[in-house]
Amino acid sequence: LGGMWEFPNVALDVASTRLRRSMDGLSPALEHGYGIKLRVRD
């Protein structure tokens, strides 16, 4: 999908399909990968 647009995202381990683990890992990973600091809501 080279050159296409996407919503900022990060890879997680398979165990992170659980909601809470996904939310906890999203914000710091996005800050590291994109330079954006977020508050995860829903």
PDB file of all heavy atoms in Angstrom:
ATOM      1  N   LEU A   1       0.828  -1.219   0.000  1.00  0.00           N
ATOM      2  CA  LEU A   1       0.000   0.000   0.000  1.00  0.00           C
ATOM      3  C   LEU A   1       0.857   1.262   0.000  1.00  0.00           C
ATOM      4  O   LEU A   1       0.502   2.282   0.589  1.00  0.00           O
ATOM      5  CB  LEU A   1      -0.941   0.016   1.215  1.00  0.00           C
ATOM      6  CG  LEU A   1      -1.862  -1.202   1.369  1.00  0.00           C
ATOM      7  CD1 LEU A   1      -2.696  -1.068   2.630  1.00  0.00           C
ATOM      8  CD2 LEU A   1      -2.744  -1.381   0.150  1.00  0.00           C
ATOM      9  N   GLY A   2       1.989   1.193  -0.661  1.00  0.00           N
ATOM     10  CA  GLY A   2       2.923   2.312  -0.700  1.00  0.00           C
ATOM     11  C   GLY A   2       2.303   3.589  -1.238  1.00  0.00           C
ATOM     12  O   GLY A   2       1.602   3.586  -2.252  1.00  0.00           O
ATOM     13  N   GLY A   3       2.535   4.701  -0.543  1.00  0.00           N
ATOM     14  CA  GLY A   3       2.053   6.003  -0.965  1.00  0.00           C
ATOM     15  C   GLY A   3       0.604   6.289  -0.639  1.00  0.00           C
ATOM     16  O   GLY A   3       0.118   7.392  -0.911  1.00  0.00           O
ATOM     17  N   MET A   4      -0.088   5.315  -0.071  1.00  0.00           N
ATOM     18  CA  MET A   4      -1.488   5.548   0.280  1.00  0.00           C
ATOM     19  C   MET A   4      -1.605   6.214   1.647  1.00  0.00           C
ATOM     20  O   MET A   4      -0.627   6.328   2.390  1.00  0.00           O
ATOM     21  CB  MET A   4      -2.270   4.233   0.267  1.00  0.00           C
ATOM     22  CG  MET A   4      -2.444   3.641  -1.110  1.00  0.00           C
ATOM     23  SD  MET A   4      -3.621   2.263  -1.115  1.00  0.00           S
ATOM     24  CE  MET A   4      -3.683   1.912  -2.870  1.00  0.00           C
ATOM     25  N   TRP A   5      -2.838   6.666   1.961  1.00  0.00           N
ATOM     26  CA  TRP A   5      -3.092   7.346   3.222  1.00  0.00           C
ATOM     27  C   TRP A   5      -3.761   6.399   4.205  1.00  0.00           C
ATOM     28  O   TRP A   5      -4.487   5.474   3.808  1.00  0.00           O
ATOM     29  CB  TRP A   5      -3.963   8.569   2.991  1.00  0.00           C
ATOM     30  CG  TRP A   5      -3.255   9.628   2.204  1.00  0.00           C
ATOM     31  CD1 TRP A   5      -3.154   9.705   0.852  1.00  0.00           C
ATOM     32  CD2 TRP A   5      -2.519  10.725   2.730  1.00  0.00           C
ATOM     33  NE1 TRP A   5      -2.397  10.795   0.483  1.00  0.00           N
ATOM     34  CE2 TRP A   5      -1.997  11.447   1.627  1.00  0.00           C
ATOM     35  CE3 TRP A   5      -2.247  11.197   4.017  1.00  0.00           C
ATOM     36  CZ2 TRP A   5      -1.224  12.588   1.768  1.00  0.00           C
ATOM     37  CZ3 TRP A   5      -1.485  12.346   4.166  1.00  0.00           C
ATOM     38  CH2 TRP A   5      -0.980  13.026   3.058  1.00  0.00           C
ATOM     39  N   GLU A   6      -3.517   6.630   5.472  1.00  0.00           N
ATOM     40  CA  GLU A   6      -4.070   5.770   6.515  1.00  0.00           C
ATOM     41  C   GLU A   6      -4.247   6.574   7.797  1.00  0.00           C
ATOM     42  O   GLU A   6      -3.718   7.679   7.946  1.00  0.00           O
ATOM     43  CB  GLU A   6      -3.145   4.580   6.783  1.00  0.00           C
ATOM     44  CG  GLU A   6      -1.779   5.006   7.333  1.00  0.00           C
ATOM     45  CD  GLU A   6      -0.823   3.851   7.503  1.00  0.00           C
ATOM     46  OE1 GLU A   6      -1.185   2.712   7.146  1.00  0.00           O
ATOM     47  OE2 GLU A   6       0.314   4.085   7.983  1.00  0.00           O
ATOM     48  N   PHE A   7      -5.004   6.021   8.718  1.00  0.00           N
ATOM     49  CA  PHE A   7      -5.103   6.605  10.042  1.00  0.00           C
ATOM     50  C   PHE A   7      -3.853   6.197  10.824  1.00  0.00           C
ATOM     51  O   PHE A   7      -3.387   5.057  10.694  1.00  0.00           O
ATOM     52  CB  PHE A   7      -6.370   6.123  10.747  1.00  0.00           C
ATOM     53  CG  PHE A   7      -7.628   6.607  10.080  1.00  0.00           C
ATOM     54  CD1 PHE A   7      -8.236   5.847   9.078  1.00  0.00           C
ATOM     55  CD2 PHE A   7      -8.188   7.825  10.423  1.00  0.00           C
ATOM     56  CE1 PHE A   7      -9.380   6.306   8.438  1.00  0.00           C
ATOM     57  CE2 PHE A   7      -9.332   8.290   9.797  1.00  0.00           C
ATOM     58  CZ  PHE A   7      -9.925   7.524   8.788  1.00  0.00           C
ATOM     59  N   PRO A   8      -3.263   7.108  11.598  1.00  0.00           N
ATOM     60  CA  PRO A   8      -2.066   6.738  12.357  1.00  0.00           C
ATOM     61  C   PRO A   8      -2.303   5.450  13.128  1.00  0.00           C
ATOM     62  O   PRO A   8      -3.338   5.279  13.779  1.00  0.00           O
ATOM     63  CB  PRO A   8      -1.863   7.938  13.285  1.00  0.00           C
ATOM     64  CG  PRO A   8      -2.506   9.082  12.560  1.00  0.00           C
ATOM     65  CD  PRO A   8      -3.695   8.493  11.864  1.00  0.00           C
ATOM     66  N   ASN A   9      -1.355   4.539  13.035  1.00  0.00           N
ATOM     67  CA  ASN A   9      -1.555   3.243  13.671  1.00  0.00           C
ATOM     68  C   ASN A   9      -0.248   2.661  14.154  1.00  0.00           C
ATOM     69  O   ASN A   9       0.841   3.073  13.729  1.00  0.00           O
ATOM     70  CB  ASN A   9      -2.241   2.276  12.705  1.00  0.00           C
ATOM     71  CG  ASN A   9      -1.352   1.938  11.524  1.00  0.00           C
ATOM     72  OD1 ASN A   9      -0.548   1.028  11.579  1.00  0.00           O
ATOM     73  ND2 ASN A   9      -1.485   2.711  10.443  1.00  0.00           N
ATOM     74  N   VAL A  10      -0.379   1.689  15.021  1.00  0.00           N
ATOM     75  CA  VAL A  10       0.793   0.999  15.558  1.00  0.00           C
ATOM     76  C   VAL A  10       0.501  -0.493  15.603  1.00  0.00           C
ATOM     77  O   VAL A  10      -0.645  -0.921  15.768  1.00  0.00           O
ATOM     78  CB  VAL A  10       1.149   1.501  16.975  1.00  0.00           C
ATOM     79  CG1 VAL A  10       1.593   2.941  16.937  1.00  0.00           C
ATOM     80  CG2 VAL A  10      -0.018   1.319  17.914  1.00  0.00           C
ATOM     81  N   ALA A  11       1.546  -1.282  15.440  1.00  0.00           N
ATOM     82  CA  ALA A  11       1.409  -2.730  15.520  1.00  0.00           C
ATOM     83  C   ALA A  11       1.358  -3.153  16.977  1.00  0.00           C
ATOM     84  O   ALA A  11       2.029  -2.577  17.840  1.00  0.00           O
ATOM     85  CB  ALA A  11       2.579  -3.403  14.807  1.00  0.00           C
ATOM     86  N   LEU A  12       0.570  -4.155  17.252  1.00  0.00           N
ATOM     87  CA  LEU A  12       0.453  -4.716  18.588  1.00  0.00           C
ATOM     88  C   LEU A  12       0.699  -6.213  18.513  1.00  0.00           C
ATOM     89  O   LEU A  12       0.624  -6.811  17.440  1.00  0.00           O
ATOM     90  CB  LEU A  12      -0.947  -4.462  19.166  1.00  0.00           C
ATOM     91  CG  LEU A  12      -1.419  -3.009  19.247  1.00  0.00           C
ATOM     92  CD1 LEU A  12      -2.888  -2.977  19.613  1.00  0.00           C
ATOM     93  CD2 LEU A  12      -0.600  -2.243  20.273  1.00  0.00           C
ATOM     94  N   ASP A  13       0.973  -6.826  19.649  1.00  0.00           N
ATOM     95  CA  ASP A  13       1.063  -8.273  19.646  1.00  0.00           C
ATOM     96  C   ASP A  13      -0.351  -8.839  19.630  1.00  0.00           C
ATOM     97  O   ASP A  13      -1.325  -8.161  19.948  1.00  0.00           O
ATOM     98  CB  ASP A  13       1.835  -8.784  20.861  1.00  0.00           C
ATOM     99  CG  ASP A  13       1.205  -8.364  22.171  1.00  0.00           C
ATOM    100  OD1 ASP A  13       0.164  -8.944  22.530  1.00  0.00           O
ATOM    101  OD2 ASP A  13       1.745  -7.460  22.825  1.00  0.00           O
ATOM    102  N   VAL A  14      -0.466 -10.103  19.218  1.00  0.00           N
ATOM    103  CA  VAL A  14      -1.788 -10.711  19.058  1.00  0.00           C
ATOM    104  C   VAL A  14      -2.584 -10.658  20.348  1.00  0.00           C
ATOM    105  O   VAL A  14      -3.804 -10.484  20.339  1.00  0.00           O
ATOM    106  CB  VAL A  14      -1.642 -12.172  18.583  1.00  0.00           C
ATOM    107  CG1 VAL A  14      -2.996 -12.857  18.537  1.00  0.00           C
ATOM    108  CG2 VAL A  14      -1.008 -12.199  17.197  1.00  0.00           C
ATOM    109  N   ALA A  15      -1.921 -10.783  21.491  1.00  0.00           N
ATOM    110  CA  ALA A  15      -2.631 -10.755  22.773  1.00  0.00           C
ATOM    111  C   ALA A  15      -3.302  -9.415  23.025  1.00  0.00           C
ATOM    112  O   ALA A  15      -4.220  -9.310  23.826  1.00  0.00           O
ATOM    113  CB  ALA A  15      -1.664 -11.084  23.916  1.00  0.00           C
ATOM    114  N   SER A  16      -2.851  -8.377  22.317  1.00  0.00           N
ATOM    115  CA  SER A  16      -3.390  -7.048  22.551  1.00  0.00           C
ATOM    116  C   SER A  16      -4.738  -6.808  21.891  1.00  0.00           C
ATOM    117  O   SER A  16      -5.213  -5.687  21.843  1.00  0.00           O
ATOM    118  CB  SER A  16      -2.395  -5.977  22.075  1.00  0.00           C
ATOM    119  OG  SER A  16      -1.236  -6.000  22.874  1.00  0.00           O
ATOM    120  N   THR A  17      -5.356  -7.858  21.353  1.00  0.00           N
ATOM    121  CA  THR A  17      -6.705  -7.681  20.839  1.00  0.00           C
ATOM    122  C   THR A  17      -7.669  -7.369  21.972  1.00  0.00           C
ATOM    123  O   THR A  17      -8.770  -6.893  21.749  1.00  0.00           O
ATOM    124  CB  THR A  17      -7.179  -8.944  20.103  1.00  0.00           C
ATOM    125  OG1 THR A  17      -6.996 -10.081  20.951  1.00  0.00           O
ATOM    126  CG2 THR A  17      -6.390  -9.140  18.819  1.00  0.00           C
ATOM    127  N   ARG A  18      -7.282  -7.622  23.203  1.00  0.00           N
ATOM    128  CA  ARG A  18      -8.120  -7.227  24.328  1.00  0.00           C
ATOM    129  C   ARG A  18      -8.167  -5.704  24.403  1.00  0.00           C
ATOM    130  O   ARG A  18      -7.165  -5.012  24.242  1.00  0.00           O
ATOM    131  CB  ARG A  18      -7.573  -7.802  25.635  1.00  0.00           C
ATOM    132  CG  ARG A  18      -7.707  -9.325  25.717  1.00  0.00           C
ATOM    133  CD  ARG A  18      -7.294  -9.818  27.083  1.00  0.00           C
ATOM    134  NE  ARG A  18      -7.491 -11.262  27.196  1.00  0.00           N
ATOM    135  CZ  ARG A  18      -7.248 -11.969  28.303  1.00  0.00           C
ATOM    136  NH1 ARG A  18      -6.787 -11.338  29.385  1.00  0.00           N
ATOM    137  NH2 ARG A  18      -7.444 -13.272  28.319  1.00  0.00           N
ATOM    138  N   LEU A  19      -9.341  -5.183  24.661  1.00  0.00           N
ATOM    139  CA  LEU A  19      -9.586  -3.747  24.576  1.00  0.00           C
ATOM    140  C   LEU A  19      -8.621  -2.935  25.427  1.00  0.00           C
ATOM    141  O   LEU A  19      -7.976  -2.010  24.948  1.00  0.00           O
ATOM    142  CB  LEU A  19     -11.028  -3.459  24.983  1.00  0.00           C
ATOM    143  CG  LEU A  19     -11.435  -1.985  24.998  1.00  0.00           C
ATOM    144  CD1 LEU A  19     -11.293  -1.396  23.613  1.00  0.00           C
ATOM    145  CD2 LEU A  19     -12.876  -1.857  25.481  1.00  0.00           C
ATOM    146  N   ARG A  20      -8.498  -3.238  26.710  1.00  0.00           N
ATOM    147  CA  ARG A  20      -7.692  -2.426  27.612  1.00  0.00           C
ATOM    148  C   ARG A  20      -6.233  -2.426  27.205  1.00  0.00           C
ATOM    149  O   ARG A  20      -5.579  -1.382  27.191  1.00  0.00           O
ATOM    150  CB  ARG A  20      -7.862  -2.934  29.039  1.00  0.00           C
ATOM    151  CG  ARG A  20      -6.965  -2.237  30.081  1.00  0.00           C
ATOM    152  CD  ARG A  20      -7.007  -0.731  29.998  1.00  0.00           C
ATOM    153  NE  ARG A  20      -8.359  -0.203  30.117  1.00  0.00           N
ATOM    154  CZ  ARG A  20      -8.668   1.064  29.942  1.00  0.00           C
ATOM    155  NH1 ARG A  20      -7.740   1.947  29.599  1.00  0.00           N
ATOM    156  NH2 ARG A  20      -9.919   1.470  30.076  1.00  0.00           N
ATOM    157  N   ARG A  21      -5.692  -3.561  26.796  1.00  0.00           N
ATOM    158  CA  ARG A  21      -4.283  -3.616  26.415  1.00  0.00           C
ATOM    159  C   ARG A  21      -4.045  -2.828  25.142  1.00  0.00           C
ATOM    160  O   ARG A  21      -3.002  -2.218  24.951  1.00  0.00           O
ATOM    161  CB  ARG A  21      -3.846  -5.070  26.241  1.00  0.00           C
ATOM    162  CG  ARG A  21      -3.895  -5.870  27.539  1.00  0.00           C
ATOM    163  CD  ARG A  21      -3.281  -7.244  27.370  1.00  0.00           C
ATOM    164  NE  ARG A  21      -1.850  -7.146  27.096  1.00  0.00           N
ATOM    165  CZ  ARG A  21      -1.058  -8.211  26.977  1.00  0.00           C
ATOM    166  NH1 ARG A  21      -1.561  -9.417  27.101  1.00  0.00           N
ATOM    167  NH2 ARG A  21       0.223  -8.072  26.733  1.00  0.00           N
ATOM    168  N   SER A  22      -5.024  -2.832  24.221  1.00  0.00           N
ATOM    169  CA  SER A  22      -4.893  -2.051  22.999  1.00  0.00           C
ATOM    170  C   SER A  22      -4.851  -0.566  23.319  1.00  0.00           C
ATOM    171  O   SER A  22      -4.024   0.180  22.794  1.00  0.00           O
ATOM    172  CB  SER A  22      -6.061  -2.350  22.057  1.00  0.00           C
ATOM    173  OG  SER A  22      -6.065  -3.699  21.670  1.00  0.00           O
ATOM    174  N   MET A  23      -5.737  -0.103  24.198  1.00  0.00           N
ATOM    175  CA  MET A  23      -5.804   1.308  24.550  1.00  0.00           C
ATOM    176  C   MET A  23      -4.542   1.756  25.273  1.00  0.00           C
ATOM    177  O   MET A  23      -4.011   2.831  25.018  1.00  0.00           O
ATOM    178  CB  MET A  23      -7.039   1.561  25.409  1.00  0.00           C
ATOM    179  CG  MET A  23      -8.355   1.342  24.669  1.00  0.00           C
ATOM    180  SD  MET A  23      -9.806   1.527  25.722  1.00  0.00           S
ATOM    181  CE  MET A  23      -9.741   3.277  26.093  1.00  0.00           C
ATOM    182  N   ASP A  24      -4.058   0.918  26.170  1.00  0.00           N
ATOM    183  CA  ASP A  24      -2.873   1.286  26.933  1.00  0.00           C
ATOM    184  C   ASP A  24      -1.635   1.394  26.047  1.00  0.00           C
ATOM    185  O   ASP A  24      -0.758   2.227  26.288  1.00  0.00           O
ATOM    186  CB  ASP A  24      -2.615   0.244  28.034  1.00  0.00           C
ATOM    187  CG  ASP A  24      -3.680   0.290  29.124  1.00  0.00           C
ATOM    188  OD1 ASP A  24      -4.415   1.300  29.188  1.00  0.00           O
ATOM    189  OD2 ASP A  24      -3.789  -0.680  29.889  1.00  0.00           O
ATOM    190  N   GLY A  25      -1.568   0.572  25.014  1.00  0.00           N
ATOM    191  CA  GLY A  25      -0.377   0.580  24.171  1.00  0.00           C
ATOM    192  C   GLY A  25      -0.423   1.588  23.042  1.00  0.00           C
ATOM    193  O   GLY A  25       0.605   1.905  22.450  1.00  0.00           O
ATOM    194  N   LEU A  26      -1.587   2.127  22.733  1.00  0.00           N
ATOM    195  CA  LEU A  26      -1.735   2.983  21.569  1.00  0.00           C
ATOM    196  C   LEU A  26      -1.061   4.340  21.741  1.00  0.00           C
ATOM    197  O   LEU A  26      -0.268   4.758  20.891  1.00  0.00           O
ATOM    198  CB  LEU A  26      -3.218   3.170  21.259  1.00  0.00           C
ATOM    199  CG  LEU A  26      -3.568   4.082  20.077  1.00  0.00           C
ATOM    200  CD1 LEU A  26      -2.909   3.568  18.810  1.00  0.00           C
ATOM    201  CD2 LEU A  26      -5.082   4.171  19.903  1.00  0.00           C
ATOM    202  N   SER A  27      -1.358   5.042  22.829  1.00  0.00           N
ATOM    203  CA  SER A  27      -0.878   6.414  22.974  1.00  0.00           C
ATOM    204  C   SER A  27       0.650   6.533  22.978  1.00  0.00           C
ATOM    205  O   SER A  27       1.214   7.311  22.193  1.00  0.00           O
ATOM    206  CB  SER A  27      -1.459   7.036  24.244  1.00  0.00           C
ATOM    207  OG  SER A  27      -1.063   8.380  24.359  1.00  0.00           O
ATOM    208  N   PRO A  28       1.383   5.789  23.820  1.00  0.00           N
ATOM    209  CA  PRO A  28       2.838   5.935  23.805  1.00  0.00           C
ATOM    210  C   PRO A  28       3.466   5.487  22.493  1.00  0.00           C
ATOM    211  O   PRO A  28       4.468   6.069  22.056  1.00  0.00           O
ATOM    212  CB  PRO A  28       3.291   5.048  24.977  1.00  0.00           C
ATOM    213  CG  PRO A  28       2.159   4.110  25.232  1.00  0.00           C
ATOM    214  CD  PRO A  28       0.932   4.874  24.881  1.00  0.00           C
ATOM    215  N   ALA A  29       2.905   4.488  21.853  1.00  0.00           N
ATOM    216  CA  ALA A  29       3.469   4.021  20.587  1.00  0.00           C
ATOM    217  C   ALA A  29       3.287   5.060  19.491  1.00  0.00           C
ATOM    218  O   ALA A  29       4.171   5.274  18.662  1.00  0.00           O
ATOM    219  CB  ALA A  29       2.822   2.700  20.184  1.00  0.00           C
ATOM    220  N   LEU A  30       2.134   5.732  19.462  1.00  0.00           N
ATOM    221  CA  LEU A  30       1.903   6.774  18.466  1.00  0.00           C
ATOM    222  C   LEU A  30       2.803   7.981  18.704  1.00  0.00           C
ATOM    223  O   LEU A  30       3.272   8.615  17.762  1.00  0.00           O
ATOM    224  CB  LEU A  30       0.440   7.207  18.495  1.00  0.00           C
ATOM    225  CG  LEU A  30      -0.563   6.221  17.877  1.00  0.00           C
ATOM    226  CD1 LEU A  30      -1.985   6.681  18.153  1.00  0.00           C
ATOM    227  CD2 LEU A  30      -0.332   6.084  16.383  1.00  0.00           C
ATOM    228  N   GLU A  31       3.044   8.296  19.961  1.00  0.00           N
ATOM    229  CA  GLU A  31       3.942   9.414  20.265  1.00  0.00           C
ATOM    230  C   GLU A  31       5.351   9.107  19.766  1.00  0.00           C
ATOM    231  O   GLU A  31       6.035   9.980  19.218  1.00  0.00           O
ATOM    232  CB  GLU A  31       3.952   9.680  21.773  1.00  0.00           C
ATOM    233  CG  GLU A  31       4.771  10.910  22.142  1.00  0.00           C
ATOM    234  CD  GLU A  31       4.627  11.271  23.614  1.00  0.00           C
ATOM    235  OE1 GLU A  31       4.014  10.478  24.370  1.00  0.00           O
ATOM    236  OE2 GLU A  31       5.121  12.347  24.003  1.00  0.00           O
ATOM    237  N   HIS A  32       5.748   7.862  19.910  1.00  0.00           N
ATOM    238  CA  HIS A  32       7.082   7.475  19.446  1.00  0.00           C
ATOM    239  C   HIS A  32       7.152   7.425  17.924  1.00  0.00           C
ATOM    240  O   HIS A  32       8.133   7.872  17.323  1.00  0.00           O
ATOM    241  CB  HIS A  32       7.444   6.098  20.024  1.00  0.00           C
ATOM    242  CG  HIS A  32       8.745   5.564  19.508  1.00  0.00           C
ATOM    243  ND1 HIS A  32       9.967   6.024  19.944  1.00  0.00           N
ATOM    244  CD2 HIS A  32       9.010   4.595  18.566  1.00  0.00           C
ATOM    245  CE1 HIS A  32      10.937   5.370  19.310  1.00  0.00           C
ATOM    246  NE2 HIS A  32      10.381   4.508  18.474  1.00  0.00           N
ATOM    247  N   GLY A  33       6.114   6.908  17.272  1.00  0.00           N
ATOM    248  CA  GLY A  33       6.172   6.717  15.832  1.00  0.00           C
ATOM    249  C   GLY A  33       5.796   7.930  15.005  1.00  0.00           C
ATOM    250  O   GLY A  33       6.288   8.103  13.884  1.00  0.00           O
ATOM    251  N   TYR A  34       4.913   8.798  15.544  1.00  0.00           N
ATOM    252  CA  TYR A  34       4.411   9.923  14.757  1.00  0.00           C
ATOM    253  C   TYR A  34       4.680  11.284  15.408  1.00  0.00           C
ATOM    254  O   TYR A  34       4.409  12.321  14.794  1.00  0.00           O
ATOM    255  CB  TYR A  34       2.903   9.797  14.537  1.00  0.00           C
ATOM    256  CG  TYR A  34       2.497   8.618  13.684  1.00  0.00           C
ATOM    257  CD1 TYR A  34       2.258   7.377  14.261  1.00  0.00           C
ATOM    258  CD2 TYR A  34       2.325   8.745  12.305  1.00  0.00           C
ATOM    259  CE1 TYR A  34       1.863   6.295  13.486  1.00  0.00           C
ATOM    260  CE2 TYR A  34       1.931   7.674  11.524  1.00  0.00           C
ATOM    261  CZ  TYR A  34       1.705   6.445  12.123  1.00  0.00           C
ATOM    262  OH  TYR A  34       1.315   5.377  11.360  1.00  0.00           O
ATOM    263  N   GLY A  35       5.132  11.297  16.634  1.00  0.00           N
ATOM    264  CA  GLY A  35       5.339  12.565  17.317  1.00  0.00           C
ATOM    265  C   GLY A  35       4.053  13.211  17.750  1.00  0.00           C
ATOM    266  O   GLY A  35       3.974  14.445  17.857  1.00  0.00           O
ATOM    267  N   ILE A  36       3.003  12.404  17.972  1.00  0.00           N
ATOM    268  CA  ILE A  36       1.721  12.951  18.424  1.00  0.00           C
ATOM    269  C   ILE A  36       1.351  12.327  19.761  1.00  0.00           C
ATOM    270  O   ILE A  36       1.499  11.131  19.969  1.00  0.00           O
ATOM    271  CB  ILE A  36       0.596  12.701  17.397  1.00  0.00           C
ATOM    272  CG1 ILE A  36       0.492  11.207  17.051  1.00  0.00           C
ATOM    273  CG2 ILE A  36       0.837  13.511  16.128  1.00  0.00           C
ATOM    274  CD1 ILE A  36      -0.630  10.884  16.082  1.00  0.00           C
ATOM    275  N   LYS A  37       0.891  13.162  20.668  1.00  0.00           N
ATOM    276  CA  LYS A  37       0.461  12.681  21.979  1.00  0.00           C
ATOM    277  C   LYS A  37      -1.070  12.757  22.032  1.00  0.00           C
ATOM    278  O   LYS A  37      -1.641  13.819  21.779  1.00  0.00           O
ATOM    279  CB  LYS A  37       1.072  13.506  23.106  1.00  0.00           C
ATOM    280  CG  LYS A  37       0.777  12.955  24.499  1.00  0.00           C
ATOM    281  CD  LYS A  37       1.529  13.727  25.557  1.00  0.00           C
ATOM    282  CE  LYS A  37       1.245  13.175  26.951  1.00  0.00           C
ATOM    283  NZ  LYS A  37       1.629  11.765  27.082  1.00  0.00           N
ATOM    284  N   LEU A  38      -1.686  11.627  22.342  1.00  0.00           N
ATOM    285  CA  LEU A  38      -3.139  11.536  22.282  1.00  0.00           C
ATOM    286  C   LEU A  38      -3.739  11.088  23.601  1.00  0.00           C
ATOM    287  O   LEU A  38      -3.069  10.477  24.432  1.00  0.00           O
ATOM    288  CB  LEU A  38      -3.566  10.539  21.187  1.00  0.00           C
ATOM    289  CG  LEU A  38      -3.040  10.773  19.779  1.00  0.00           C
ATOM    290  CD1 LEU A  38      -3.443   9.618  18.884  1.00  0.00           C
ATOM    291  CD2 LEU A  38      -3.564  12.088  19.219  1.00  0.00           C
ATOM    292  N   ARG A  39      -5.009  11.377  23.748  1.00  0.00           N
ATOM    293  CA  ARG A  39      -5.808  10.799  24.822  1.00  0.00           C
ATOM    294  C   ARG A  39      -6.804   9.839  24.165  1.00  0.00           C
ATOM    295  O   ARG A  39      -7.632  10.252  23.352  1.00  0.00           O
ATOM    296  CB  ARG A  39      -6.563  11.883  25.599  1.00  0.00           C
ATOM    297  CG  ARG A  39      -7.436  11.313  26.723  1.00  0.00           C
ATOM    298  CD  ARG A  39      -8.237  12.411  27.413  1.00  0.00           C
ATOM    299  NE  ARG A  39      -7.364  13.412  28.028  1.00  0.00           N
ATOM    300  CZ  ARG A  39      -7.184  14.633  27.551  1.00  0.00           C
ATOM    301  NH1 ARG A  39      -7.826  15.007  26.426  1.00  0.00           N
ATOM    302  NH2 ARG A  39      -6.388  15.494  28.143  1.00  0.00           N
ATOM    303  N   VAL A  40      -6.691   8.572  24.478  1.00  0.00           N
ATOM    304  CA  VAL A  40      -7.568   7.567  23.878  1.00  0.00           C
ATOM    305  C   VAL A  40      -8.907   7.583  24.593  1.00  0.00           C
ATOM    306  O   VAL A  40      -8.982   7.522  25.823  1.00  0.00           O
ATOM    307  CB  VAL A  40      -6.925   6.169  23.962  1.00  0.00           C
ATOM    308  CG1 VAL A  40      -7.833   5.131  23.290  1.00  0.00           C
ATOM    309  CG2 VAL A  40      -5.557   6.174  23.302  1.00  0.00           C
ATOM    310  N   ARG A  41      -9.999   7.662  23.825  1.00  0.00           N
ATOM    311  CA  ARG A  41     -11.337   7.730  24.421  1.00  0.00           C
ATOM    312  C   ARG A  41     -12.113   6.415  24.242  1.00  0.00           C
ATOM    313  O   ARG A  41     -12.146   5.593  25.133  1.00  0.00           O
ATOM    314  CB  ARG A  41     -12.122   8.905  23.821  1.00  0.00           C
ATOM    315  CG  ARG A  41     -11.556  10.262  24.216  1.00  0.00           C
ATOM    316  CD  ARG A  41     -12.529  11.384  23.882  1.00  0.00           C
ATOM    317  NE  ARG A  41     -12.622  11.626  22.441  1.00  0.00           N
ATOM    318  CZ  ARG A  41     -13.667  11.313  21.677  1.00  0.00           C
ATOM    319  NH1 ARG A  41     -14.722  10.735  22.203  1.00  0.00           N
ATOM    320  NH2 ARG A  41     -13.688  11.580  20.380  1.00  0.00           N
ATOM    321  N   ASP A  42     -12.707   6.224  23.095  1.00  0.00           N
ATOM    322  CA  ASP A  42     -13.598   5.076  22.900  1.00  0.00           C
ATOM    323  C   ASP A  42     -13.166   4.257  21.694  1.00  0.00           C
ATOM    324  O   ASP A  42     -12.548   4.780  20.748  1.00  0.00           O
ATOM    325  CB  ASP A  42     -15.048   5.543  22.684  1.00  0.00           C
ATOM    326  CG  ASP A  42     -15.529   6.460  23.795  1.00  0.00           C
ATOM    327  OD1 ASP A  42     -15.405   6.052  24.962  1.00  0.00           O
ATOM    328  OD2 ASP A  42     -16.002   7.573  23.490  1.00  0.00           O
TER     329      ASP A  42
END
